């Protein structure tokens, strides 16, 4: 079946002949949300360091939390969690404090998952 596709290298729109299986695979891939795998504490911390951040910047962001109980919970999460989920509120807040966009975090996250 002929389909219009975008050549990702040039940006050109071309007509390509794709098999039914190729079309089904493309449609399935575009339907599924991209899942970010959980990261180990090691992967998360190495990901930060390899992107130019110091771990004390995370600690500074946690120290800036106004509510004492929320700050204590965040500190326990940072220091003792063995796995981190991409959508955990602490990580979202720390990302904002570090000046990262959600897209920046996603990109760093997926690279850290390979460590």
N, C-alpha and C. Protein backbone atom coordinates (compact mmCIF):
# COMPACT_ATOMS: atom_id res chain seq x y z
N UNK A 1 0.85 -1.17 0.00
CA UNK A 1 0.00 0.00 0.00
C UNK A 1 0.90 1.24 0.00
N UNK A 2 0.55 2.21 -0.80
CA UNK A 2 1.30 3.46 -0.85
C UNK A 2 0.85 4.37 0.27
N UNK A 3 1.84 4.95 0.96
CA UNK A 3 1.55 5.89 2.04
C UNK A 3 2.49 7.07 1.93
N UNK A 4 2.01 8.24 2.33
CA UNK A 4 2.89 9.39 2.43
C UNK A 4 3.63 9.25 3.75
N UNK A 5 4.94 9.37 3.70
CA UNK A 5 5.75 9.31 4.90
C UNK A 5 6.75 10.46 4.86
N UNK A 6 7.26 10.81 6.03
CA UNK A 6 8.26 11.86 6.13
C UNK A 6 9.62 11.20 6.30
N UNK A 7 10.55 11.58 5.45
CA UNK A 7 11.93 11.13 5.59
C UNK A 7 12.52 11.90 6.76
N UNK A 8 12.82 11.21 7.87
CA UNK A 8 13.26 11.90 9.08
C UNK A 8 14.63 12.55 8.93
N UNK A 9 15.41 12.12 7.97
CA UNK A 9 16.72 12.72 7.77
C UNK A 9 16.65 14.01 6.98
N UNK A 10 15.75 14.06 6.00
CA UNK A 10 15.68 15.26 5.14
C UNK A 10 14.46 16.12 5.41
N UNK A 11 13.43 15.53 6.02
CA UNK A 11 12.18 16.25 6.24
C UNK A 11 11.27 16.22 5.03
N UNK A 12 11.71 15.58 3.95
CA UNK A 12 10.91 15.50 2.73
C UNK A 12 9.75 14.53 2.91
N UNK A 13 8.64 14.86 2.29
CA UNK A 13 7.49 13.96 2.26
C UNK A 13 7.61 13.14 0.98
N UNK A 14 7.57 11.82 1.15
CA UNK A 14 7.72 10.93 0.00
C UNK A 14 6.59 9.91 0.01
N UNK A 15 6.34 9.34 -1.14
CA UNK A 15 5.38 8.24 -1.25
C UNK A 15 6.18 6.95 -1.15
N UNK A 16 5.82 6.11 -0.19
CA UNK A 16 6.52 4.84 -0.01
C UNK A 16 5.51 3.71 -0.04
N UNK A 17 5.95 2.58 -0.55
CA UNK A 17 5.12 1.39 -0.56
C UNK A 17 5.45 0.60 0.70
N UNK A 18 4.44 0.45 1.57
CA UNK A 18 4.62 -0.27 2.82
C UNK A 18 3.72 -1.49 2.83
N UNK A 19 4.23 -2.54 3.46
CA UNK A 19 3.41 -3.74 3.60
C UNK A 19 2.36 -3.51 4.69
N UNK A 20 1.35 -4.36 4.71
CA UNK A 20 0.33 -4.26 5.75
C UNK A 20 0.95 -4.40 7.13
N UNK A 21 1.97 -5.26 7.26
CA UNK A 21 2.64 -5.45 8.54
C UNK A 21 3.38 -4.18 8.97
N UNK A 22 4.03 -3.52 8.03
CA UNK A 22 4.74 -2.28 8.34
C UNK A 22 3.76 -1.19 8.77
N UNK A 23 2.65 -1.10 8.07
CA UNK A 23 1.63 -0.11 8.43
C UNK A 23 1.08 -0.39 9.82
N UNK A 24 0.79 -1.67 10.11
CA UNK A 24 0.27 -2.05 11.42
C UNK A 24 1.28 -1.72 12.52
N UNK A 25 2.56 -1.96 12.27
CA UNK A 25 3.59 -1.67 13.26
C UNK A 25 3.69 -0.17 13.53
N UNK A 26 3.62 0.63 12.47
CA UNK A 26 3.67 2.09 12.64
C UNK A 26 2.46 2.58 13.42
N UNK A 27 1.30 2.09 13.07
CA UNK A 27 0.08 2.51 13.78
C UNK A 27 0.13 2.11 15.24
N UNK A 28 0.62 0.93 15.53
CA UNK A 28 0.73 0.47 16.93
C UNK A 28 1.72 1.33 17.70
N UNK A 29 2.85 1.64 17.09
CA UNK A 29 3.87 2.45 17.76
C UNK A 29 3.37 3.85 18.06
N UNK A 30 2.54 4.41 17.19
CA UNK A 30 2.04 5.76 17.42
C UNK A 30 0.87 5.78 18.41
N UNK A 31 0.24 4.65 18.61
CA UNK A 31 -0.86 4.57 19.59
C UNK A 31 -0.34 4.43 21.01
N UNK A 32 0.76 3.72 21.17
CA UNK A 32 1.29 3.45 22.51
C UNK A 32 2.03 4.67 23.04
N UNK A 33 1.73 5.07 24.28
CA UNK A 33 2.54 6.14 24.86
C UNK A 33 3.94 5.61 25.15
N UNK A 34 4.91 6.46 25.03
CA UNK A 34 6.29 6.06 25.31
C UNK A 34 6.44 5.94 26.82
N UNK A 35 6.75 4.73 27.27
CA UNK A 35 6.87 4.48 28.70
C UNK A 35 8.32 4.69 29.14
N UNK A 36 8.47 5.42 30.21
CA UNK A 36 9.80 5.61 30.78
C UNK A 36 9.99 4.53 31.84
N UNK A 37 11.02 3.72 31.69
CA UNK A 37 11.24 2.66 32.67
C UNK A 37 11.67 3.24 34.01
N UNK A 38 11.43 2.53 35.10
CA UNK A 38 11.95 3.01 36.38
C UNK A 38 13.48 3.00 36.35
N UNK A 39 14.08 3.92 37.08
CA UNK A 39 15.54 3.98 37.17
C UNK A 39 15.98 3.57 38.57
N UNK A 40 17.12 2.88 38.64
CA UNK A 40 17.72 2.61 39.94
C UNK A 40 18.29 3.92 40.47
N UNK A 41 18.58 3.95 41.76
CA UNK A 41 19.20 5.14 42.35
C UNK A 41 20.52 5.44 41.66
N UNK A 42 21.27 4.40 41.33
CA UNK A 42 22.54 4.56 40.62
C UNK A 42 22.34 5.20 39.26
N UNK A 43 21.39 4.69 38.48
CA UNK A 43 21.13 5.24 37.15
C UNK A 43 20.71 6.71 37.23
N UNK A 44 19.83 7.02 38.17
CA UNK A 44 19.34 8.39 38.31
C UNK A 44 20.48 9.34 38.65
N UNK A 45 21.29 8.96 39.63
CA UNK A 45 22.37 9.83 40.06
C UNK A 45 23.45 9.97 38.96
N UNK A 46 23.80 8.86 38.31
CA UNK A 46 24.76 8.95 37.21
C UNK A 46 24.21 9.80 36.07
N UNK A 47 22.92 9.67 35.80
CA UNK A 47 22.30 10.49 34.76
C UNK A 47 22.42 11.97 35.06
N UNK A 48 22.22 12.34 36.30
CA UNK A 48 22.37 13.75 36.68
C UNK A 48 23.82 14.21 36.51
N UNK A 49 24.75 13.44 37.06
CA UNK A 49 26.16 13.82 36.99
C UNK A 49 26.64 13.91 35.55
N UNK A 50 26.25 12.95 34.71
CA UNK A 50 26.68 12.96 33.31
C UNK A 50 26.07 14.10 32.51
N UNK A 51 25.03 14.73 33.07
CA UNK A 51 24.41 15.89 32.41
C UNK A 51 24.82 17.20 33.07
N UNK A 52 25.90 17.15 33.86
CA UNK A 52 26.47 18.38 34.40
C UNK A 52 25.91 18.86 35.72
N UNK A 53 25.09 18.04 36.37
CA UNK A 53 24.53 18.44 37.66
C UNK A 53 25.34 17.83 38.79
N UNK A 54 25.34 18.53 39.92
CA UNK A 54 25.95 18.00 41.13
C UNK A 54 24.83 17.50 42.02
N UNK A 55 25.09 16.42 42.72
CA UNK A 55 24.05 15.83 43.57
C UNK A 55 23.61 16.78 44.68
N UNK A 56 24.50 17.66 45.11
CA UNK A 56 24.10 18.61 46.15
C UNK A 56 23.05 19.59 45.65
N UNK A 57 22.91 19.75 44.31
CA UNK A 57 21.85 20.60 43.78
C UNK A 57 20.48 19.99 44.08
N UNK A 58 20.39 18.67 44.05
CA UNK A 58 19.13 18.01 44.41
C UNK A 58 18.86 18.21 45.89
N UNK A 59 19.89 18.06 46.70
CA UNK A 59 19.72 18.25 48.14
C UNK A 59 19.31 19.69 48.46
N UNK A 60 19.85 20.64 47.74
CA UNK A 60 19.48 22.05 47.93
C UNK A 60 18.00 22.25 47.57
N UNK A 61 17.56 21.63 46.49
CA UNK A 61 16.15 21.73 46.09
C UNK A 61 15.25 21.12 47.16
N UNK A 62 15.67 20.01 47.72
CA UNK A 62 14.88 19.38 48.79
C UNK A 62 14.86 20.27 50.03
N UNK A 63 16.01 20.85 50.38
CA UNK A 63 16.09 21.74 51.55
C UNK A 63 15.18 22.95 51.40
N UNK A 64 14.86 23.34 50.16
CA UNK A 64 14.03 24.52 49.91
C UNK A 64 12.54 24.24 50.06
N UNK A 65 12.15 23.00 50.30
CA UNK A 65 10.73 22.68 50.49
C UNK A 65 10.27 23.29 51.81
N UNK A 66 9.21 24.09 51.77
CA UNK A 66 8.75 24.82 52.94
C UNK A 66 8.24 23.93 54.07
N UNK A 67 7.36 23.02 53.75
CA UNK A 67 6.73 22.18 54.77
C UNK A 67 7.74 21.17 55.31
N UNK A 68 7.92 21.15 56.63
CA UNK A 68 8.93 20.29 57.26
C UNK A 68 8.66 18.81 56.98
N UNK A 69 7.40 18.39 57.07
CA UNK A 69 7.10 16.98 56.84
C UNK A 69 7.32 16.61 55.37
N UNK A 70 6.90 17.45 54.47
CA UNK A 70 7.12 17.19 53.04
C UNK A 70 8.61 17.14 52.73
N UNK A 71 9.37 18.03 53.36
CA UNK A 71 10.82 18.06 53.16
C UNK A 71 11.45 16.76 53.68
N UNK A 72 11.01 16.30 54.85
CA UNK A 72 11.54 15.05 55.42
C UNK A 72 11.19 13.86 54.54
N UNK A 73 9.97 13.82 54.02
CA UNK A 73 9.56 12.73 53.12
C UNK A 73 10.40 12.75 51.85
N UNK A 74 10.61 13.94 51.29
CA UNK A 74 11.42 14.06 50.08
C UNK A 74 12.85 13.59 50.33
N UNK A 75 13.40 13.93 51.49
CA UNK A 75 14.76 13.52 51.81
C UNK A 75 14.86 12.00 51.92
N UNK A 76 13.86 11.37 52.56
CA UNK A 76 13.84 9.91 52.67
C UNK A 76 13.75 9.29 51.27
N UNK A 77 12.88 9.82 50.43
CA UNK A 77 12.74 9.31 49.07
C UNK A 77 14.07 9.41 48.33
N UNK A 78 14.73 10.56 48.38
CA UNK A 78 15.98 10.77 47.67
C UNK A 78 17.09 9.86 48.19
N UNK A 79 17.18 9.74 49.52
CA UNK A 79 18.29 8.99 50.10
C UNK A 79 18.10 7.48 50.10
N UNK A 80 16.84 7.01 50.18
CA UNK A 80 16.65 5.59 50.42
C UNK A 80 15.86 4.83 49.35
N UNK A 81 15.24 5.51 48.42
CA UNK A 81 14.48 4.80 47.39
C UNK A 81 15.45 4.01 46.53
N UNK A 82 15.09 2.79 46.19
CA UNK A 82 15.95 1.98 45.32
C UNK A 82 15.56 2.14 43.85
N UNK A 83 14.30 2.49 43.60
CA UNK A 83 13.81 2.73 42.24
C UNK A 83 13.08 4.06 42.19
N UNK A 84 13.20 4.73 41.05
CA UNK A 84 12.53 6.00 40.84
C UNK A 84 11.65 5.91 39.60
N UNK A 85 10.43 6.37 39.72
CA UNK A 85 9.49 6.43 38.60
C UNK A 85 9.54 7.83 38.00
N UNK A 86 9.46 7.92 36.68
CA UNK A 86 9.58 9.20 35.98
C UNK A 86 8.56 10.23 36.44
N UNK A 87 7.35 9.78 36.76
CA UNK A 87 6.30 10.74 37.11
C UNK A 87 6.15 10.98 38.60
N UNK A 88 7.16 10.59 39.40
CA UNK A 88 7.08 10.83 40.85
C UNK A 88 7.14 12.34 41.11
N UNK A 89 6.27 12.85 41.98
CA UNK A 89 6.23 14.30 42.23
C UNK A 89 7.58 14.89 42.67
N UNK A 90 8.35 14.17 43.45
CA UNK A 90 9.66 14.68 43.86
C UNK A 90 10.54 14.95 42.64
N UNK A 91 10.56 14.03 41.71
CA UNK A 91 11.40 14.20 40.53
C UNK A 91 10.93 15.34 39.66
N UNK A 92 9.64 15.51 39.58
CA UNK A 92 9.09 16.64 38.82
C UNK A 92 9.51 17.96 39.47
N UNK A 93 9.37 18.04 40.80
CA UNK A 93 9.74 19.27 41.52
C UNK A 93 11.24 19.55 41.43
N UNK A 94 12.06 18.51 41.58
CA UNK A 94 13.50 18.70 41.48
C UNK A 94 13.88 19.13 40.06
N UNK A 95 13.25 18.53 39.06
CA UNK A 95 13.50 18.93 37.68
C UNK A 95 13.23 20.40 37.46
N UNK A 96 12.12 20.88 37.99
CA UNK A 96 11.78 22.31 37.88
C UNK A 96 12.85 23.15 38.58
N UNK A 97 13.25 22.72 39.78
CA UNK A 97 14.26 23.47 40.54
C UNK A 97 15.60 23.50 39.80
N UNK A 98 15.89 22.47 39.02
CA UNK A 98 17.14 22.43 38.25
C UNK A 98 17.01 23.13 36.90
N UNK A 99 15.82 23.66 36.60
CA UNK A 99 15.61 24.39 35.35
C UNK A 99 15.40 23.49 34.16
N UNK A 100 14.93 22.25 34.39
CA UNK A 100 14.72 21.30 33.30
C UNK A 100 13.27 21.31 32.84
N UNK A 101 13.07 21.22 31.55
CA UNK A 101 11.73 21.08 31.00
C UNK A 101 11.34 19.60 31.08
N UNK A 102 10.05 19.28 30.98
CA UNK A 102 9.65 17.87 30.95
C UNK A 102 10.34 17.10 29.82
N UNK A 103 10.56 17.76 28.69
CA UNK A 103 11.24 17.11 27.57
C UNK A 103 12.70 16.82 27.91
N UNK A 104 13.35 17.78 28.61
CA UNK A 104 14.74 17.56 29.04
C UNK A 104 14.82 16.35 29.97
N UNK A 105 13.88 16.28 30.90
CA UNK A 105 13.87 15.17 31.86
C UNK A 105 13.64 13.85 31.13
N UNK A 106 12.70 13.84 30.20
CA UNK A 106 12.44 12.62 29.44
C UNK A 106 13.70 12.14 28.72
N UNK A 107 14.38 13.06 28.06
CA UNK A 107 15.58 12.70 27.31
C UNK A 107 16.67 12.17 28.24
N UNK A 108 16.90 12.88 29.35
CA UNK A 108 17.91 12.44 30.31
C UNK A 108 17.52 11.07 30.89
N UNK A 109 16.24 10.91 31.17
CA UNK A 109 15.74 9.67 31.77
C UNK A 109 16.01 8.47 30.87
N UNK A 110 15.69 8.63 29.60
CA UNK A 110 15.87 7.50 28.68
C UNK A 110 17.34 7.17 28.48
N UNK A 111 18.20 8.18 28.50
CA UNK A 111 19.64 7.91 28.41
C UNK A 111 20.15 7.24 29.68
N UNK A 112 19.66 7.69 30.84
CA UNK A 112 20.09 7.09 32.11
C UNK A 112 19.64 5.64 32.22
N UNK A 113 18.54 5.31 31.59
CA UNK A 113 18.05 3.93 31.63
C UNK A 113 19.02 2.97 30.97
N UNK A 114 19.92 3.48 30.13
CA UNK A 114 20.89 2.64 29.44
C UNK A 114 22.18 2.45 30.26
N UNK A 115 22.30 3.16 31.36
CA UNK A 115 23.53 3.07 32.17
C UNK A 115 23.55 1.81 33.02
